[in-house]
Amino acid sequence: MGTSARLEVEAVFDALGDPGRRALVASIADRGTATATELAAELPVTRQAVAKQLGALADAGLLHATRVGRETRYEVTSQPLRDAAGWLVEVGAQWDERLAALGRSLTRARAGRPSS
């Protein structure tokens, strides 16, 4: 993964590190699209607070904002989530390889040691 892709994945994880932002992404994904006003109506926070969180998610590439009249509608952008999931798979595979190598090393060490 190149430096640019790593920075993009890092931005996704930074944005999703907040449980409130994760909940917003899930809510928008369930609805298809939503406005800050619609989302705030279901939360104990102001529309401005929701709009700020939506901006952070959009900056990370997780949401696409479309202006419709006086409203801004948000929808989930799936590619950054796929990129982050791909990174997790890549890192998981590297750990699987390392743990397997450790297991082989321990097996060899035990085989070479006399029984007590």
PDB file of N, CA and C in Angstrom:
ATOM      1  N   MET A   1       0.849  -1.171   0.000  1.00  0.00           N
ATOM      2  CA  MET A   1       0.000   0.000   0.000  1.00  0.00           C
ATOM      3  C   MET A   1       0.892   1.229   0.000  1.00  0.00           C
ATOM      4  N   GLY A   2       0.628   2.154  -0.901  1.00  0.00           N
ATOM      5  CA  GLY A   2       1.425   3.359  -1.028  1.00  0.00           C
ATOM      6  C   GLY A   2       1.156   4.354   0.098  1.00  0.00           C
ATOM      7  N   THR A   3       1.997   5.367   0.175  1.00  0.00           N
ATOM      8  CA  THR A   3       1.878   6.368   1.233  1.00  0.00           C
ATOM      9  C   THR A   3       0.534   7.072   1.183  1.00  0.00           C
ATOM     10  N   SER A   4       0.089   7.442   0.002  1.00  0.00           N
ATOM     11  CA  SER A   4      -1.190   8.138  -0.140  1.00  0.00           C
ATOM     12  C   SER A   4      -2.347   7.277   0.341  1.00  0.00           C
ATOM     13  N   ALA A   5      -2.345   6.005  -0.054  1.00  0.00           N
ATOM     14  CA  ALA A   5      -3.410   5.086   0.369  1.00  0.00           C
ATOM     15  C   ALA A   5      -3.382   4.884   1.877  1.00  0.00           C
ATOM     16  N   ARG A   6      -2.172   4.800   2.458  1.00  0.00           N
ATOM     17  CA  ARG A   6      -2.059   4.643   3.912  1.00  0.00           C
ATOM     18  C   ARG A   6      -2.628   5.854   4.635  1.00  0.00           C
ATOM     19  N   LEU A   7      -2.359   7.045   4.111  1.00  0.00           N
ATOM     20  CA  LEU A   7      -2.884   8.263   4.734  1.00  0.00           C
ATOM     21  C   LEU A   7      -4.405   8.309   4.643  1.00  0.00           C
ATOM     22  N   GLU A   8      -4.956   7.855   3.519  1.00  0.00           N
ATOM     23  CA  GLU A   8      -6.408   7.824   3.366  1.00  0.00           C
ATOM     24  C   GLU A   8      -7.028   6.846   4.354  1.00  0.00           C
ATOM     25  N   VAL A   9      -6.434   5.670   4.498  1.00  0.00           N
ATOM     26  CA  VAL A   9      -6.940   4.674   5.452  1.00  0.00           C
ATOM     27  C   VAL A   9      -6.816   5.216   6.868  1.00  0.00           C
ATOM     28  N   GLU A  10      -5.731   5.898   7.154  1.00  0.00           N
ATOM     29  CA  GLU A  10      -5.537   6.494   8.472  1.00  0.00           C
ATOM     30  C   GLU A  10      -6.640   7.513   8.770  1.00  0.00           C
ATOM     31  N   ALA A  11      -6.999   8.316   7.776  1.00  0.00           N
ATOM     32  CA  ALA A  11      -8.078   9.300   7.951  1.00  0.00           C
ATOM     33  C   ALA A  11      -9.410   8.603   8.231  1.00  0.00           C
ATOM     34  N   VAL A  12      -9.647   7.475   7.577  1.00  0.00           N
ATOM     35  CA  VAL A  12     -10.879   6.715   7.815  1.00  0.00           C
ATOM     36  C   VAL A  12     -10.911   6.214   9.252  1.00  0.00           C
ATOM     37  N   PHE A  13      -9.816   5.628   9.717  1.00  0.00           N
ATOM     38  CA  PHE A  13      -9.787   5.120  11.092  1.00  0.00           C
ATOM     39  C   PHE A  13      -9.885   6.256  12.109  1.00  0.00           C
ATOM     40  N   ASP A  14      -9.258   7.382  11.827  1.00  0.00           N
ATOM     41  CA  ASP A  14      -9.385   8.542  12.721  1.00  0.00           C
ATOM     42  C   ASP A  14     -10.844   8.976  12.818  1.00  0.00           C
ATOM     43  N   ALA A  15     -11.504   9.068  11.680  1.00  0.00           N
ATOM     44  CA  ALA A  15     -12.907   9.503  11.664  1.00  0.00           C
ATOM     45  C   ALA A  15     -13.809   8.498  12.364  1.00  0.00           C
ATOM     46  N   LEU A  16     -13.549   7.223  12.155  1.00  0.00           N
ATOM     47  CA  LEU A  16     -14.398   6.184  12.752  1.00  0.00           C
ATOM     48  C   LEU A  16     -14.015   5.871  14.189  1.00  0.00           C
ATOM     49  N   GLY A  17     -12.981   6.516  14.698  1.00  0.00           N
ATOM     50  CA  GLY A  17     -12.562   6.299  16.075  1.00  0.00           C
ATOM     51  C   GLY A  17     -13.552   6.854  17.089  1.00  0.00           C
ATOM     52  N   ASP A  18     -14.438   7.706  16.649  1.00  0.00           N
ATOM     53  CA  ASP A  18     -15.443   8.291  17.529  1.00  0.00           C
ATOM     54  C   ASP A  18     -16.749   7.506  17.403  1.00  0.00           C
ATOM     55  N   PRO A  19     -17.297   6.995  18.511  1.00  0.00           N
ATOM     56  CA  PRO A  19     -18.524   6.196  18.432  1.00  0.00           C
ATOM     57  C   PRO A  19     -19.712   6.970  17.854  1.00  0.00           C
ATOM     58  N   GLY A  20     -19.778   8.270  18.109  1.00  0.00           N
ATOM     59  CA  GLY A  20     -20.870   9.070  17.552  1.00  0.00           C
ATOM     60  C   GLY A  20     -20.801   9.142  16.039  1.00  0.00           C
ATOM     61  N   ARG A  21     -19.588   9.287  15.507  1.00  0.00           N
ATOM     62  CA  ARG A  21     -19.436   9.326  14.046  1.00  0.00           C
ATOM     63  C   ARG A  21     -19.741   7.960  13.430  1.00  0.00           C
ATOM     64  N   ARG A  22     -19.333   6.886  14.115  1.00  0.00           N
ATOM     65  CA  ARG A  22     -19.681   5.547  13.607  1.00  0.00           C
ATOM     66  C   ARG A  22     -21.194   5.383  13.554  1.00  0.00           C
ATOM     67  N   ALA A  23     -21.885   5.871  14.586  1.00  0.00           N
ATOM     68  CA  ALA A  23     -23.349   5.771  14.615  1.00  0.00           C
ATOM     69  C   ALA A  23     -23.971   6.576  13.476  1.00  0.00           C
ATOM     70  N   LEU A  24     -23.402   7.739  13.172  1.00  0.00           N
ATOM     71  CA  LEU A  24     -23.919   8.536  12.059  1.00  0.00           C
ATOM     72  C   LEU A  24     -23.746   7.807  10.729  1.00  0.00           C
ATOM     73  N   VAL A  25     -22.583   7.210  10.517  1.00  0.00           N
ATOM     74  CA  VAL A  25     -22.348   6.452   9.273  1.00  0.00           C
ATOM     75  C   VAL A  25     -23.362   5.312   9.174  1.00  0.00           C
ATOM     76  N   ALA A  26     -23.583   4.607  10.264  1.00  0.00           N
ATOM     77  CA  ALA A  26     -24.539   3.489  10.251  1.00  0.00           C
ATOM     78  C   ALA A  26     -25.952   3.986   9.959  1.00  0.00           C
ATOM     79  N   SER A  27     -26.322   5.088  10.554  1.00  0.00           N
ATOM     80  CA  SER A  27     -27.660   5.633  10.343  1.00  0.00           C
ATOM     81  C   SER A  27     -27.859   6.063   8.897  1.00  0.00           C
ATOM     82  N   ILE A  28     -26.867   6.733   8.333  1.00  0.00           N
ATOM     83  CA  ILE A  28     -26.968   7.168   6.937  1.00  0.00           C
ATOM     84  C   ILE A  28     -26.986   5.961   6.004  1.00  0.00           C
ATOM     85  N   ALA A  29     -26.177   4.959   6.308  1.00  0.00           N
ATOM     86  CA  ALA A  29     -26.168   3.745   5.489  1.00  0.00           C
ATOM     87  C   ALA A  29     -27.538   3.070   5.502  1.00  0.00           C
ATOM     88  N   ASP A  30     -28.182   3.041   6.663  1.00  0.00           N
ATOM     89  CA  ASP A  30     -29.515   2.443   6.765  1.00  0.00           C
ATOM     90  C   ASP A  30     -30.547   3.222   5.955  1.00  0.00           C
ATOM     91  N   ARG A  31     -30.444   4.539   5.953  1.00  0.00           N
ATOM     92  CA  ARG A  31     -31.421   5.404   5.287  1.00  0.00           C
ATOM     93  C   ARG A  31     -31.159   5.569   3.798  1.00  0.00           C
ATOM     94  N   GLY A  32     -29.916   5.468   3.404  1.00  0.00           N
ATOM     95  CA  GLY A  32     -29.535   5.785   2.035  1.00  0.00           C
ATOM     96  C   GLY A  32     -28.944   7.185   1.956  1.00  0.00           C
ATOM     97  N   THR A  33     -29.707   8.183   2.402  1.00  0.00           N
ATOM     98  CA  THR A  33     -29.216   9.557   2.514  1.00  0.00           C
ATOM     99  C   THR A  33     -29.880  10.194   3.728  1.00  0.00           C
ATOM    100  N   ALA A  34     -29.281  11.272   4.215  1.00  0.00           N
ATOM    101  CA  ALA A  34     -29.868  11.989   5.339  1.00  0.00           C
ATOM    102  C   ALA A  34     -29.272  13.387   5.413  1.00  0.00           C
ATOM    103  N   THR A  35     -29.994  14.274   6.060  1.00  0.00           N
ATOM    104  CA  THR A  35     -29.499  15.621   6.322  1.00  0.00           C
ATOM    105  C   THR A  35     -29.108  15.707   7.791  1.00  0.00           C
ATOM    106  N   ALA A  36     -28.349  16.737   8.127  1.00  0.00           N
ATOM    107  CA  ALA A  36     -27.964  16.953   9.524  1.00  0.00           C
ATOM    108  C   ALA A  36     -29.211  17.151  10.384  1.00  0.00           C
ATOM    109  N   THR A  37     -30.209  17.834   9.859  1.00  0.00           N
ATOM    110  CA  THR A  37     -31.443  18.074  10.600  1.00  0.00           C
ATOM    111  C   THR A  37     -32.169  16.766  10.901  1.00  0.00           C
ATOM    112  N   GLU A  38     -32.269  15.887   9.911  1.00  0.00           N
ATOM    113  CA  GLU A  38     -32.928  14.589  10.110  1.00  0.00           C
ATOM    114  C   GLU A  38     -32.199  13.762  11.161  1.00  0.00           C
ATOM    115  N   LEU A  39     -30.891  13.759  11.098  1.00  0.00           N
ATOM    116  CA  LEU A  39     -30.102  12.968  12.047  1.00  0.00           C
ATOM    117  C   LEU A  39     -30.176  13.548  13.454  1.00  0.00           C
ATOM    118  N   ALA A  40     -30.100  14.875  13.558  1.00  0.00           N
ATOM    119  CA  ALA A  40     -30.126  15.527  14.869  1.00  0.00           C
ATOM    120  C   ALA A  40     -31.470  15.338  15.564  1.00  0.00           C
ATOM    121  N   ALA A  41     -32.535  15.177  14.795  1.00  0.00           N
ATOM    122  CA  ALA A  41     -33.864  14.995  15.382  1.00  0.00           C
ATOM    123  C   ALA A  41     -33.932  13.737  16.238  1.00  0.00           C
ATOM    124  N   GLU A  42     -33.051  12.784  15.980  1.00  0.00           N
ATOM    125  CA  GLU A  42     -33.036  11.507  16.711  1.00  0.00           C
ATOM    126  C   GLU A  42     -31.948  11.455  17.780  1.00  0.00           C
ATOM    127  N   LEU A  43     -31.209  12.541  17.928  1.00  0.00           N
ATOM    128  CA  LEU A  43     -30.072  12.540  18.848  1.00  0.00           C
ATOM    129  C   LEU A  43     -30.203  13.645  19.890  1.00  0.00           C
ATOM    130  N   PRO A  44     -29.531  13.474  21.030  1.00  0.00           N
ATOM    131  CA  PRO A  44     -29.578  14.505  22.070  1.00  0.00           C
ATOM    132  C   PRO A  44     -28.530  15.604  21.875  1.00  0.00           C
ATOM    133  N   VAL A  45     -28.260  15.934  20.605  1.00  0.00           N
ATOM    134  CA  VAL A  45     -27.280  16.982  20.289  1.00  0.00           C
ATOM    135  C   VAL A  45     -27.892  17.928  19.264  1.00  0.00           C
ATOM    136  N   THR A  46     -27.247  19.063  19.081  1.00  0.00           N
ATOM    137  CA  THR A  46     -27.759  20.058  18.144  1.00  0.00           C
ATOM    138  C   THR A  46     -27.466  19.667  16.700  1.00  0.00           C
ATOM    139  N   ARG A  47     -28.198  20.302  15.800  1.00  0.00           N
ATOM    140  CA  ARG A  47     -27.952  20.090  14.369  1.00  0.00           C
ATOM    141  C   ARG A  47     -26.537  20.543  14.024  1.00  0.00           C
ATOM    142  N   GLN A  48     -26.071  21.618  14.654  1.00  0.00           N
ATOM    143  CA  GLN A  48     -24.718  22.111  14.387  1.00  0.00           C
ATOM    144  C   GLN A  48     -23.667  21.081  14.807  1.00  0.00           C
ATOM    145  N   ALA A  49     -23.884  20.417  15.927  1.00  0.00           N
ATOM    146  CA  ALA A  49     -22.938  19.381  16.368  1.00  0.00           C
ATOM    147  C   ALA A  49     -22.920  18.219  15.379  1.00  0.00           C
ATOM    148  N   VAL A  50     -24.101  17.836  14.915  1.00  0.00           N
ATOM    149  CA  VAL A  50     -24.176  16.754  13.923  1.00  0.00           C
ATOM    150  C   VAL A  50     -23.493  17.194  12.635  1.00  0.00           C
ATOM    151  N   ALA A  51     -23.758  18.427  12.202  1.00  0.00           N
ATOM    152  CA  ALA A  51     -23.146  18.932  10.969  1.00  0.00           C
ATOM    153  C   ALA A  51     -21.623  18.918  11.066  1.00  0.00           C
ATOM    154  N   LYS A  52     -21.090  19.249  12.233  1.00  0.00           N
ATOM    155  CA  LYS A  52     -19.632  19.222  12.423  1.00  0.00           C
ATOM    156  C   LYS A  52     -19.094  17.800  12.264  1.00  0.00           C
ATOM    157  N   GLN A  53     -19.776  16.830  12.858  1.00  0.00           N
ATOM    158  CA  GLN A  53     -19.347  15.429  12.742  1.00  0.00           C
ATOM    159  C   GLN A  53     -19.474  14.938  11.298  1.00  0.00           C
ATOM    160  N   LEU A  54     -20.547  15.345  10.621  1.00  0.00           N
ATOM    161  CA  LEU A  54     -20.719  14.970   9.218  1.00  0.00           C
ATOM    162  C   LEU A  54     -19.598  15.556   8.370  1.00  0.00           C
ATOM    163  N   GLY A  55     -19.178  16.765   8.690  1.00  0.00           N
ATOM    164  CA  GLY A  55     -18.059  17.377   7.974  1.00  0.00           C
ATOM    165  C   GLY A  55     -16.774  16.594   8.148  1.00  0.00           C
ATOM    166  N   ALA A  56     -16.526  16.130   9.368  1.00  0.00           N
ATOM    167  CA  ALA A  56     -15.321  15.323   9.626  1.00  0.00           C
ATOM    168  C   ALA A  56     -15.371  14.017   8.838  1.00  0.00           C
ATOM    169  N   LEU A  57     -16.549  13.405   8.780  1.00  0.00           N
ATOM    170  CA  LEU A  57     -16.703  12.161   8.024  1.00  0.00           C
ATOM    171  C   LEU A  57     -16.537  12.408   6.520  1.00  0.00           C
ATOM    172  N   ALA A  58     -17.065  13.520   6.046  1.00  0.00           N
ATOM    173  CA  ALA A  58     -16.908  13.862   4.631  1.00  0.00           C
ATOM    174  C   ALA A  58     -15.448  14.160   4.306  1.00  0.00           C
ATOM    175  N   ASP A  59     -14.755  14.851   5.208  1.00  0.00           N
ATOM    176  CA  ASP A  59     -13.329  15.149   4.996  1.00  0.00           C
ATOM    177  C   ASP A  59     -12.501  13.873   4.894  1.00  0.00           C
ATOM    178  N   ALA A  60     -12.911  12.833   5.606  1.00  0.00           N
ATOM    179  CA  ALA A  60     -12.209  11.548   5.553  1.00  0.00           C
ATOM    180  C   ALA A  60     -12.619  10.730   4.332  1.00  0.00           C
ATOM    181  N   GLY A  61     -13.569  11.252   3.550  1.00  0.00           N
ATOM    182  CA  GLY A  61     -14.007  10.547   2.347  1.00  0.00           C
ATOM    183  C   GLY A  61     -15.109   9.541   2.585  1.00  0.00           C
ATOM    184  N   LEU A  62     -15.607   9.461   3.818  1.00  0.00           N
ATOM    185  CA  LEU A  62     -16.621   8.454   4.144  1.00  0.00           C
ATOM    186  C   LEU A  62     -18.030   8.844   3.718  1.00  0.00           C
ATOM    187  N   LEU A  63     -18.257  10.144   3.552  1.00  0.00           N
ATOM    188  CA  LEU A  63     -19.565  10.626   3.132  1.00  0.00           C
ATOM    189  C   LEU A  63     -19.412  11.529   1.917  1.00  0.00           C
ATOM    190  N   HIS A  64     -20.439  11.493   1.076  1.00  0.00           N
ATOM    191  CA  HIS A  64     -20.515  12.407  -0.059  1.00  0.00           C
ATOM    192  C   HIS A  64     -21.670  13.358   0.207  1.00  0.00           C
ATOM    193  N   ALA A  65     -21.412  14.652   0.133  1.00  0.00           N
ATOM    194  CA  ALA A  65     -22.435  15.664   0.391  1.00  0.00           C
ATOM    195  C   ALA A  65     -22.951  16.213  -0.928  1.00  0.00           C
ATOM    196  N   THR A  66     -24.272  16.303  -1.028  1.00  0.00           N
ATOM    197  CA  THR A  66     -24.910  16.871  -2.208  1.00  0.00           C
ATOM    198  C   THR A  66     -25.875  17.956  -1.763  1.00  0.00           C
ATOM    199  N   ARG A  67     -25.724  19.103  -2.336  1.00  0.00           N
ATOM    200  CA  ARG A  67     -26.612  20.225  -2.008  1.00  0.00           C
ATOM    201  C   ARG A  67     -27.897  20.072  -2.819  1.00  0.00           C
ATOM    202  N   VAL A  68     -29.042  20.059  -2.115  1.00  0.00           N
ATOM    203  CA  VAL A  68     -30.352  19.968  -2.742  1.00  0.00           C
ATOM    204  C   VAL A  68     -31.181  21.119  -2.183  1.00  0.00           C
ATOM    205  N   GLY A  69     -31.287  22.187  -2.949  1.00  0.00           N
ATOM    206  CA  GLY A  69     -31.978  23.369  -2.445  1.00  0.00           C
ATOM    207  C   GLY A  69     -31.224  23.940  -1.262  1.00  0.00           C
ATOM    208  N   ARG A  70     -31.927  24.073  -0.135  1.00  0.00           N
ATOM    209  CA  ARG A  70     -31.302  24.613   1.074  1.00  0.00           C
ATOM    210  C   ARG A  70     -30.691  23.528   1.946  1.00  0.00           C
ATOM    211  N   GLU A  71     -30.853  22.285   1.563  1.00  0.00           N
ATOM    212  CA  GLU A  71     -30.361  21.163   2.376  1.00  0.00           C
ATOM    213  C   GLU A  71     -29.086  20.569   1.788  1.00  0.00           C
ATOM    214  N   THR A  72     -28.305  20.001   2.668  1.00  0.00           N
ATOM    215  CA  THR A  72     -27.169  19.187   2.239  1.00  0.00           C
ATOM    216  C   THR A  72     -27.488  17.757   2.645  1.00  0.00           C
ATOM    217  N   ARG A  73     -27.552  16.878   1.653  1.00  0.00           N
ATOM    218  CA  ARG A  73     -27.847  15.471   1.896  1.00  0.00           C
ATOM    219  C   ARG A  73     -26.525  14.701   1.860  1.00  0.00           C
ATOM    220  N   TYR A  74     -26.387  13.786   2.794  1.00  0.00           N
ATOM    221  CA  TYR A  74     -25.171  12.977   2.903  1.00  0.00           C
ATOM    222  C   TYR A  74     -25.491  11.533   2.567  1.00  0.00           C
ATOM    223  N   GLU A  75     -24.559  10.901   1.870  1.00  0.00           N
ATOM    224  CA  GLU A  75     -24.650   9.463   1.629  1.00  0.00           C
ATOM    225  C   GLU A  75     -23.278   8.842   1.863  1.00  0.00           C
ATOM    226  N   VAL A  76     -23.285   7.576   2.242  1.00  0.00           N
ATOM    227  CA  VAL A  76     -22.028   6.880   2.546  1.00  0.00           C
ATOM    228  C   VAL A  76     -21.275   6.591   1.257  1.00  0.00           C
ATOM    229  N   THR A  77     -19.987   6.820   1.307  1.00  0.00           N
ATOM    230  CA  THR A  77     -19.086   6.488   0.202  1.00  0.00           C
ATOM    231  C   THR A  77     -18.398   5.182   0.583  1.00  0.00           C
ATOM    232  N   SER A  78     -18.612   4.143  -0.195  1.00  0.00           N
ATOM    233  CA  SER A  78     -18.153   2.814   0.225  1.00  0.00           C
ATOM    234  C   SER A  78     -16.667   2.547  -0.007  1.00  0.00           C
ATOM    235  N   GLN A  79     -16.046   3.188  -0.970  1.00  0.00           N
ATOM    236  CA  GLN A  79     -14.654   2.855  -1.299  1.00  0.00           C
ATOM    237  C   GLN A  79     -13.686   3.041  -0.133  1.00  0.00           C
ATOM    238  N   PRO A  80     -13.753   4.142   0.626  1.00  0.00           N
ATOM    239  CA  PRO A  80     -12.833   4.262   1.760  1.00  0.00           C
ATOM    240  C   PRO A  80     -13.026   3.150   2.792  1.00  0.00           C
ATOM    241  N   LEU A  81     -14.254   2.686   2.974  1.00  0.00           N
ATOM    242  CA  LEU A  81     -14.493   1.571   3.897  1.00  0.00           C
ATOM    243  C   LEU A  81     -13.880   0.286   3.345  1.00  0.00           C
ATOM    244  N   ARG A  82     -14.004   0.084   2.037  1.00  0.00           N
ATOM    245  CA  ARG A  82     -13.386  -1.102   1.417  1.00  0.00           C
ATOM    246  C   ARG A  82     -11.866  -1.043   1.550  1.00  0.00           C
ATOM    247  N   ASP A  83     -11.299   0.151   1.346  1.00  0.00           N
ATOM    248  CA  ASP A  83      -9.841   0.308   1.478  1.00  0.00           C
ATOM    249  C   ASP A  83      -9.389  -0.012   2.904  1.00  0.00           C
ATOM    250  N   ALA A  84     -10.134   0.480   3.896  1.00  0.00           N
ATOM    251  CA  ALA A  84      -9.789   0.213   5.293  1.00  0.00           C
ATOM    252  C   ALA A  84      -9.914  -1.276   5.602  1.00  0.00           C
ATOM    253  N   ALA A  85     -10.966  -1.911   5.090  1.00  0.00           N
ATOM    254  CA  ALA A  85     -11.139  -3.358   5.298  1.00  0.00           C
ATOM    255  C   ALA A  85     -10.003  -4.132   4.629  1.00  0.00           C
ATOM    256  N   GLY A  86      -9.594  -3.695   3.453  1.00  0.00           N
ATOM    257  CA  GLY A  86      -8.464  -4.339   2.770  1.00  0.00           C
ATOM    258  C   GLY A  86      -7.183  -4.215   3.562  1.00  0.00           C
ATOM    259  N   TRP A  87      -6.969  -3.057   4.177  1.00  0.00           N
ATOM    260  CA  TRP A  87      -5.786  -2.865   5.008  1.00  0.00           C
ATOM    261  C   TRP A  87      -5.819  -3.817   6.192  1.00  0.00           C
ATOM    262  N   LEU A  88      -6.992  -3.963   6.818  1.00  0.00           N
ATOM    263  CA  LEU A  88      -7.114  -4.887   7.952  1.00  0.00           C
ATOM    264  C   LEU A  88      -6.805  -6.319   7.532  1.00  0.00           C
ATOM    265  N   VAL A  89      -7.278  -6.715   6.363  1.00  0.00           N
ATOM    266  CA  VAL A  89      -6.998  -8.065   5.865  1.00  0.00           C
ATOM    267  C   VAL A  89      -5.495  -8.235   5.634  1.00  0.00           C
ATOM    268  N   GLU A  90      -4.874  -7.219   5.045  1.00  0.00           N
ATOM    269  CA  GLU A  90      -3.430  -7.265   4.780  1.00  0.00           C
ATOM    270  C   GLU A  90      -2.628  -7.394   6.076  1.00  0.00           C
ATOM    271  N   VAL A  91      -2.947  -6.586   7.054  1.00  0.00           N
ATOM    272  CA  VAL A  91      -2.241  -6.626   8.341  1.00  0.00           C
ATOM    273  C   VAL A  91      -2.521  -7.954   9.051  1.00  0.00           C
ATOM    274  N   GLY A  92      -3.761  -8.420   8.973  1.00  0.00           N
ATOM    275  CA  GLY A  92      -4.107  -9.706   9.584  1.00  0.00           C
ATOM    276  C   GLY A  92      -3.305 -10.846   8.976  1.00  0.00           C
ATOM    277  N   ALA A  93      -3.130 -10.818   7.660  1.00  0.00           N
ATOM    278  CA  ALA A  93      -2.345 -11.863   6.993  1.00  0.00           C
ATOM    279  C   ALA A  93      -0.887 -11.816   7.432  1.00  0.00           C
ATOM    280  N   GLN A  94      -0.357 -10.604   7.600  1.00  0.00           N
ATOM    281  CA  GLN A  94       1.023 -10.482   8.066  1.00  0.00           C
ATOM    282  C   GLN A  94       1.168 -11.065   9.469  1.00  0.00           C
ATOM    283  N   TRP A  95       0.211 -10.814  10.340  1.00  0.00           N
ATOM    284  CA  TRP A  95       0.263 -11.370  11.692  1.00  0.00           C
ATOM    285  C   TRP A  95       0.095 -12.879  11.657  1.00  0.00           C
ATOM    286  N   ASP A  96      -0.763 -13.382  10.791  1.00  0.00           N
ATOM    287  CA  ASP A  96      -0.910 -14.836  10.659  1.00  0.00           C
ATOM    288  C   ASP A  96       0.419 -15.474  10.285  1.00  0.00           C
ATOM    289  N   GLU A  97       1.148 -14.833   9.336  1.00  0.00           N
ATOM    290  CA  GLU A  97       2.456 -15.354   8.924  1.00  0.00           C
ATOM    291  C   GLU A  97       3.448 -15.321  10.092  1.00  0.00           C
ATOM    292  N   ARG A  98       3.449 -14.220  10.822  1.00  0.00           N
ATOM    293  CA  ARG A  98       4.383 -14.096  11.958  1.00  0.00           C
ATOM    294  C   ARG A  98       4.075 -15.122  13.046  1.00  0.00           C
ATOM    295  N   LEU A  99       2.803 -15.298  13.353  1.00  0.00           N
ATOM    296  CA  LEU A  99       2.426 -16.267  14.388  1.00  0.00           C
ATOM    297  C   LEU A  99       2.732 -17.699  13.944  1.00  0.00           C
ATOM    298  N   ALA A 100       2.525 -17.990  12.673  1.00  0.00           N
ATOM    299  CA  ALA A 100       2.854 -19.324  12.161  1.00  0.00           C
ATOM    300  C   ALA A 100       4.364 -19.566  12.256  1.00  0.00           C
ATOM    301  N   ALA A 101       5.169 -18.560  11.916  1.00  0.00           N
ATOM    302  CA  ALA A 101       6.626 -18.690  12.015  1.00  0.00           C
ATOM    303  C   ALA A 101       7.040 -18.887  13.471  1.00  0.00           C
ATOM    304  N   LEU A 102       6.424 -18.171  14.385  1.00  0.00           N
ATOM    305  CA  LEU A 102       6.708 -18.347  15.808  1.00  0.00           C
ATOM    306  C   LEU A 102       6.347 -19.762  16.247  1.00  0.00           C
ATOM    307  N   GLY A 103       5.195 -20.253  15.799  1.00  0.00           N
ATOM    308  CA  GLY A 103       4.792 -21.623  16.145  1.00  0.00           C
ATOM    309  C   GLY A 103       5.785 -22.647  15.629  1.00  0.00           C
ATOM    310  N   ARG A 104       6.262 -22.468  14.400  1.00  0.00           N
ATOM    311  CA  ARG A 104       7.255 -23.401  13.840  1.00  0.00           C
ATOM    312  C   ARG A 104       8.553 -23.338  14.642  1.00  0.00           C
ATOM    313  N   SER A 105       8.954 -22.142  15.029  1.00  0.00           N
ATOM    314  CA  SER A 105      10.179 -21.974  15.809  1.00  0.00           C
ATOM    315  C   SER A 105      10.053 -22.650  17.175  1.00  0.00           C
ATOM    316  N   LEU A 106       8.912 -22.491  17.815  1.00  0.00           N
ATOM    317  CA  LEU A 106       8.703 -23.133  19.114  1.00  0.00           C
ATOM    318  C   LEU A 106       8.678 -24.652  18.988  1.00  0.00           C
ATOM    319  N   THR A 107       8.065 -25.143  17.923  1.00  0.00           N
ATOM    320  CA  THR A 107       8.026 -26.591  17.695  1.00  0.00           C
ATOM    321  C   THR A 107       9.440 -27.135  17.512  1.00  0.00           C
ATOM    322  N   ARG A 108      10.261 -26.416  16.714  1.00  0.00           N
ATOM    323  CA  ARG A 108      11.657 -26.859  16.515  1.00  0.00           C
ATOM    324  C   ARG A 108      12.431 -26.805  17.828  1.00  0.00           C
ATOM    325  N   ALA A 109      12.216 -25.759  18.624  1.00  0.00           N
ATOM    326  CA  ALA A 109      12.930 -25.614  19.895  1.00  0.00           C
ATOM    327  C   ALA A 109      12.549 -26.737  20.844  1.00  0.00           C
ATOM    328  N   ARG A 110      11.276 -27.083  20.888  1.00  0.00           N
ATOM    329  CA  ARG A 110      10.834 -28.182  21.773  1.00  0.00           C
ATOM    330  C   ARG A 110      11.373 -29.521  21.308  1.00  0.00           C
ATOM    331  N   ALA A 111      11.459 -29.714  20.008  1.00  0.00           N
ATOM    332  CA  ALA A 111      11.961 -30.981  19.454  1.00  0.00           C
ATOM    333  C   ALA A 111      13.448 -31.172  19.778  1.00  0.00           C
ATOM    334  N   GLY A 112      14.179 -30.098  19.854  1.00  0.00           N
ATOM    335  CA  GLY A 112      15.605 -30.188  20.121  1.00  0.00           C
ATOM    336  C   GLY A 112      15.946 -30.246  21.599  1.00  0.00           C
ATOM    337  N   ARG A 113      14.973 -30.102  22.460  1.00  0.00           N
ATOM    338  CA  ARG A 113      15.192 -30.074  23.900  1.00  0.00           C
ATOM    339  C   ARG A 113      14.878 -31.441  24.488  1.00  0.00           C
ATOM    340  N   PRO A 114      15.721 -31.971  25.391  1.00  0.00           N
ATOM    341  CA  PRO A 114      15.421 -33.264  26.015  1.00  0.00           C
ATOM    342  C   PRO A 114      14.191 -33.155  26.924  1.00  0.00           C
ATOM    343  N   SER A 115      13.413 -34.229  27.005  1.00  0.00           N
ATOM    344  CA  SER A 115      12.227 -34.279  27.877  1.00  0.00           C
ATOM    345  C   SER A 115      12.661 -34.296  29.323  1.00  0.00           C
ATOM    346  N   SER A 116      11.859 -33.694  30.220  1.00  0.00           N
ATOM    347  CA  SER A 116      12.212 -33.715  31.631  1.00  0.00           C
ATOM    348  C   SER A 116      11.416 -34.719  32.388  1.00  0.00           C
TER     349      SER A 116
END
